[in-house]
Amino acid sequence: MRPRPRVELRRVHGGLELRIDGTQASVYRPGGGVTGVVWWALASPILLLPRTRRARVLLLGLAAGSVARALRVLESDAEVVGVELDRDVVRLARSHFYLDRLRLELVVVDALEFLERNLRRFDLIIDDLFIGKPRCV
């Protein structure tokens, strides 16, 4: 069994930051930049999907919703399923990062378990999973 991660909420210039075990997991700046460059890069493949129907996106590793925010800007009507392992992260995301405003289906479970049991098909799967302490290379 994996030890419980340390989940922290920090005030940063113009907004909030969610850290999990010392690693930045999400940033939210109301009225400012939507997220950060890493989350935009993870969300950007949605622009390559054909626009013949509503895109179905699976987001593994939701945290406080930085990638989901970028997805909403890039494709506002996409069907997004966000999978997050930690209930403490979800609680903070709902109360401080306005997660419920992102109009997504939230599943609180281990991503591997979700993949093993899920029967739905998705047009795009985004892997934003991180487990472990940060390392210097």
C-alpha atoms as a PDB file:
ATOM      1  CA  MET A   1       0.000   0.000   0.000  1.00  0.00           C
ATOM      2  CA  ARG A   2       1.267   3.417  -0.983  1.00  0.00           C
ATOM      3  CA  PRO A   3       1.597   6.006   1.812  1.00  0.00           C
ATOM      4  CA  ARG A   4      -0.847   8.927   1.692  1.00  0.00           C
ATOM      5  CA  PRO A   5       0.588  11.822  -0.286  1.00  0.00           C
ATOM      6  CA  ARG A   6       1.140  15.211   1.295  1.00  0.00           C
ATOM      7  CA  VAL A   7      -1.359  17.566  -0.350  1.00  0.00           C
ATOM      8  CA  GLU A   8      -0.780  21.318   0.053  1.00  0.00           C
ATOM      9  CA  LEU A   9      -2.567  24.418  -1.082  1.00  0.00           C
ATOM     10  CA  ARG A  10      -0.339  27.489  -1.559  1.00  0.00           C
ATOM     11  CA  ARG A  11      -1.027  31.064  -2.488  1.00  0.00           C
ATOM     12  CA  VAL A  12       1.115  32.130  -5.449  1.00  0.00           C
ATOM     13  CA  HIS A  13       1.294  35.364  -7.389  1.00  0.00           C
ATOM     14  CA  GLY A  14      -2.239  35.984  -8.599  1.00  0.00           C
ATOM     15  CA  GLY A  15      -3.713  32.654  -7.603  1.00  0.00           C
ATOM     16  CA  LEU A  16      -3.398  29.238  -6.027  1.00  0.00           C
ATOM     17  CA  GLU A  17      -1.146  26.243  -6.466  1.00  0.00           C
ATOM     18  CA  LEU A  18      -1.847  22.630  -5.518  1.00  0.00           C
ATOM     19  CA  ARG A  19       1.223  20.594  -4.569  1.00  0.00           C
ATOM     20  CA  ILE A  20       1.310  16.848  -4.068  1.00  0.00           C
ATOM     21  CA  ASP A  21       4.383  15.508  -2.279  1.00  0.00           C
ATOM     22  CA  GLY A  22       6.206  18.741  -3.088  1.00  0.00           C
ATOM     23  CA  THR A  23       5.427  18.659  -6.817  1.00  0.00           C
ATOM     24  CA  GLN A  24       3.277  21.292  -8.498  1.00  0.00           C
ATOM     25  CA  ALA A  25       0.121  19.508  -9.650  1.00  0.00           C
ATOM     26  CA  SER A  26      -2.175  22.416 -10.600  1.00  0.00           C
ATOM     27  CA  VAL A  27      -2.238  26.191 -10.787  1.00  0.00           C
ATOM     28  CA  TYR A  28      -5.286  28.438 -10.865  1.00  0.00           C
ATOM     29  CA  ARG A  29      -5.200  32.190 -11.484  1.00  0.00           C
ATOM     30  CA  PRO A  30      -8.694  33.686 -11.689  1.00  0.00           C
ATOM     31  CA  GLY A  31      -8.924  36.209 -14.492  1.00  0.00           C
ATOM     32  CA  GLY A  32      -5.316  35.589 -15.519  1.00  0.00           C
ATOM     33  CA  GLY A  33      -3.486  32.904 -17.466  1.00  0.00           C
ATOM     34  CA  VAL A  34      -5.708  29.854 -17.618  1.00  0.00           C
ATOM     35  CA  THR A  35      -3.005  27.367 -16.574  1.00  0.00           C
ATOM     36  CA  GLY A  36       0.680  26.843 -17.333  1.00  0.00           C
ATOM     37  CA  VAL A  37       2.607  25.799 -20.428  1.00  0.00           C
ATOM     38  CA  VAL A  38       2.857  22.117 -19.443  1.00  0.00           C
ATOM     39  CA  TRP A  39      -0.919  21.784 -19.091  1.00  0.00           C
ATOM     40  CA  TRP A  40      -1.507  23.594 -22.399  1.00  0.00           C
ATOM     41  CA  ALA A  41       0.888  21.145 -24.065  1.00  0.00           C
ATOM     42  CA  LEU A  42      -0.994  18.185 -22.621  1.00  0.00           C
ATOM     43  CA  ALA A  43      -4.357  19.572 -23.773  1.00  0.00           C
ATOM     44  CA  SER A  44      -3.292  20.749 -27.240  1.00  0.00           C
ATOM     45  CA  PRO A  45      -3.744  17.411 -29.099  1.00  0.00           C
ATOM     46  CA  ILE A  46      -7.505  18.008 -28.909  1.00  0.00           C
ATOM     47  CA  LEU A  47      -6.964  20.525 -31.728  1.00  0.00           C
ATOM     48  CA  LEU A  48      -5.897  17.659 -34.025  1.00  0.00           C
ATOM     49  CA  LEU A  49      -9.147  15.716 -33.668  1.00  0.00           C
ATOM     50  CA  PRO A  50     -11.651  15.839 -36.524  1.00  0.00           C
ATOM     51  CA  ARG A  51     -14.570  18.125 -35.740  1.00  0.00           C
ATOM     52  CA  THR A  52     -17.238  15.737 -36.997  1.00  0.00           C
ATOM     53  CA  ARG A  53     -18.741  15.210 -33.530  1.00  0.00           C
ATOM     54  CA  ARG A  54     -18.251  16.078 -29.871  1.00  0.00           C
ATOM     55  CA  ALA A  55     -14.786  14.975 -28.709  1.00  0.00           C
ATOM     56  CA  ARG A  56     -14.574  12.411 -25.897  1.00  0.00           C
ATOM     57  CA  VAL A  57     -11.513  12.942 -23.687  1.00  0.00           C
ATOM     58  CA  LEU A  58     -10.182  10.821 -20.838  1.00  0.00           C
ATOM     59  CA  LEU A  59      -7.918  12.713 -18.449  1.00  0.00           C
ATOM     60  CA  LEU A  60      -5.878  10.452 -16.187  1.00  0.00           C
ATOM     61  CA  GLY A  61      -4.544  12.481 -13.256  1.00  0.00           C
ATOM     62  CA  LEU A  62      -7.024  15.311 -12.832  1.00  0.00           C
ATOM     63  CA  ALA A  63      -5.516  16.988  -9.747  1.00  0.00           C
ATOM     64  CA  ALA A  64      -7.209  20.419  -9.475  1.00  0.00           C
ATOM     65  CA  GLY A  65      -8.097  20.609 -13.161  1.00  0.00           C
ATOM     66  CA  SER A  66      -5.337  22.557 -14.958  1.00  0.00           C
ATOM     67  CA  VAL A  67      -5.471  20.363 -18.076  1.00  0.00           C
ATOM     68  CA  ALA A  68      -9.274  20.319 -17.951  1.00  0.00           C
ATOM     69  CA  ARG A  69      -9.289  24.146 -17.911  1.00  0.00           C
ATOM     70  CA  ALA A  70      -7.095  24.246 -20.994  1.00  0.00           C
ATOM     71  CA  LEU A  71      -9.362  21.670 -22.697  1.00  0.00           C
ATOM     72  CA  ARG A  72     -12.402  23.854 -22.000  1.00  0.00           C
ATOM     73  CA  VAL A  73     -10.722  26.837 -23.675  1.00  0.00           C
ATOM     74  CA  LEU A  74      -9.610  24.792 -26.696  1.00  0.00           C
ATOM     75  CA  GLU A  75     -12.814  22.754 -27.121  1.00  0.00           C
ATOM     76  CA  SER A  76     -15.573  24.034 -24.861  1.00  0.00           C
ATOM     77  CA  ASP A  77     -18.116  21.307 -25.613  1.00  0.00           C
ATOM     78  CA  ALA A  78     -15.799  18.285 -25.278  1.00  0.00           C
ATOM     79  CA  GLU A  79     -17.013  15.422 -23.108  1.00  0.00           C
ATOM     80  CA  VAL A  80     -14.300  15.130 -20.433  1.00  0.00           C
ATOM     81  CA  VAL A  81     -13.894  12.304 -17.931  1.00  0.00           C
ATOM     82  CA  GLY A  82     -11.340  13.144 -15.236  1.00  0.00           C
ATOM     83  CA  VAL A  83      -9.844  10.385 -13.112  1.00  0.00           C
ATOM     84  CA  GLU A  84      -8.215  11.310  -9.792  1.00  0.00           C
ATOM     85  CA  LEU A  85      -6.934   8.928  -7.143  1.00  0.00           C
ATOM     86  CA  ASP A  86      -6.895  11.131  -4.054  1.00  0.00           C
ATOM     87  CA  ARG A  87     -10.073  12.336  -2.312  1.00  0.00           C
ATOM     88  CA  ASP A  88      -8.141  15.117  -0.510  1.00  0.00           C
ATOM     89  CA  VAL A  89      -7.057  16.494  -3.887  1.00  0.00           C
ATOM     90  CA  VAL A  90     -10.663  16.405  -5.123  1.00  0.00           C
ATOM     91  CA  ARG A  91     -11.895  18.153  -1.959  1.00  0.00           C
ATOM     92  CA  LEU A  92      -9.370  20.995  -2.369  1.00  0.00           C
ATOM     93  CA  ALA A  93     -10.020  21.205  -6.115  1.00  0.00           C
ATOM     94  CA  ARG A  94     -13.741  21.612  -5.526  1.00  0.00           C
ATOM     95  CA  SER A  95     -13.443  24.145  -2.713  1.00  0.00           C
ATOM     96  CA  HIS A  96     -10.572  26.323  -4.012  1.00  0.00           C
ATOM     97  CA  PHE A  97     -10.142  25.657  -7.760  1.00  0.00           C
ATOM     98  CA  TYR A  98     -13.836  25.588  -8.775  1.00  0.00           C
ATOM     99  CA  LEU A  99     -13.501  22.111 -10.256  1.00  0.00           C
ATOM    100  CA  ASP A 100     -17.264  21.597 -10.580  1.00  0.00           C
ATOM    101  CA  ARG A 101     -17.513  24.561 -12.982  1.00  0.00           C
ATOM    102  CA  LEU A 102     -15.463  22.619 -15.551  1.00  0.00           C
ATOM    103  CA  ARG A 103     -18.435  20.426 -16.529  1.00  0.00           C
ATOM    104  CA  LEU A 104     -16.638  17.108 -16.434  1.00  0.00           C
ATOM    105  CA  GLU A 105     -17.402  13.644 -15.175  1.00  0.00           C
ATOM    106  CA  LEU A 106     -15.248  13.058 -12.112  1.00  0.00           C
ATOM    107  CA  VAL A 107     -14.184   9.530 -11.201  1.00  0.00           C
ATOM    108  CA  VAL A 108     -12.267   9.047  -7.943  1.00  0.00           C
ATOM    109  CA  VAL A 109     -10.334   5.831  -8.406  1.00  0.00           C
ATOM    110  CA  ASP A 110      -6.880   4.573  -9.372  1.00  0.00           C
ATOM    111  CA  ALA A 111      -6.299   5.198 -13.096  1.00  0.00           C
ATOM    112  CA  LEU A 112      -5.233   1.597 -13.771  1.00  0.00           C
ATOM    113  CA  GLU A 113      -8.387   0.293 -12.119  1.00  0.00           C
ATOM    114  CA  PHE A 114     -10.471   2.678 -14.238  1.00  0.00           C
ATOM    115  CA  LEU A 115      -8.769   1.485 -17.434  1.00  0.00           C
ATOM    116  CA  GLU A 116      -9.294  -2.167 -16.513  1.00  0.00           C
ATOM    117  CA  ARG A 117     -13.033  -1.704 -15.892  1.00  0.00           C
ATOM    118  CA  ASN A 118     -14.003   0.997 -18.396  1.00  0.00           C
ATOM    119  CA  LEU A 119     -15.786  -0.048 -21.570  1.00  0.00           C
ATOM    120  CA  ARG A 120     -16.183   3.399 -23.146  1.00  0.00           C
ATOM    121  CA  ARG A 121     -14.141   4.611 -26.084  1.00  0.00           C
ATOM    122  CA  PHE A 122     -12.338   7.950 -26.117  1.00  0.00           C
ATOM    123  CA  ASP A 123     -10.974  10.098 -28.925  1.00  0.00           C
ATOM    124  CA  LEU A 124      -8.111  11.353 -26.772  1.00  0.00           C
ATOM    125  CA  ILE A 125      -6.470   9.990 -23.620  1.00  0.00           C
ATOM    126  CA  ILE A 126      -4.271  12.401 -21.685  1.00  0.00           C
ATOM    127  CA  ASP A 127      -1.833  10.930 -19.157  1.00  0.00           C
ATOM    128  CA  ASP A 128      -1.043  13.481 -16.453  1.00  0.00           C
ATOM    129  CA  LEU A 129      -0.223  10.928 -13.767  1.00  0.00           C
ATOM    130  CA  PHE A 130       2.550  11.438 -11.279  1.00  0.00           C
ATOM    131  CA  ILE A 131       3.262   9.287  -8.280  1.00  0.00           C
ATOM    132  CA  GLY A 132       6.375   9.702  -6.232  1.00  0.00           C
ATOM    133  CA  LYS A 133       8.709  12.267  -4.888  1.00  0.00           C
ATOM    134  CA  PRO A 134      10.480  14.692  -7.250  1.00  0.00           C
ATOM    135  CA  ARG A 135      13.988  13.694  -8.273  1.00  0.00           C
ATOM    136  CA  CYS A 136      16.935  15.726  -9.467  1.00  0.00           C
ATOM    137  CA  VAL A 137      18.583  14.402 -12.631  1.00  0.00           C
END
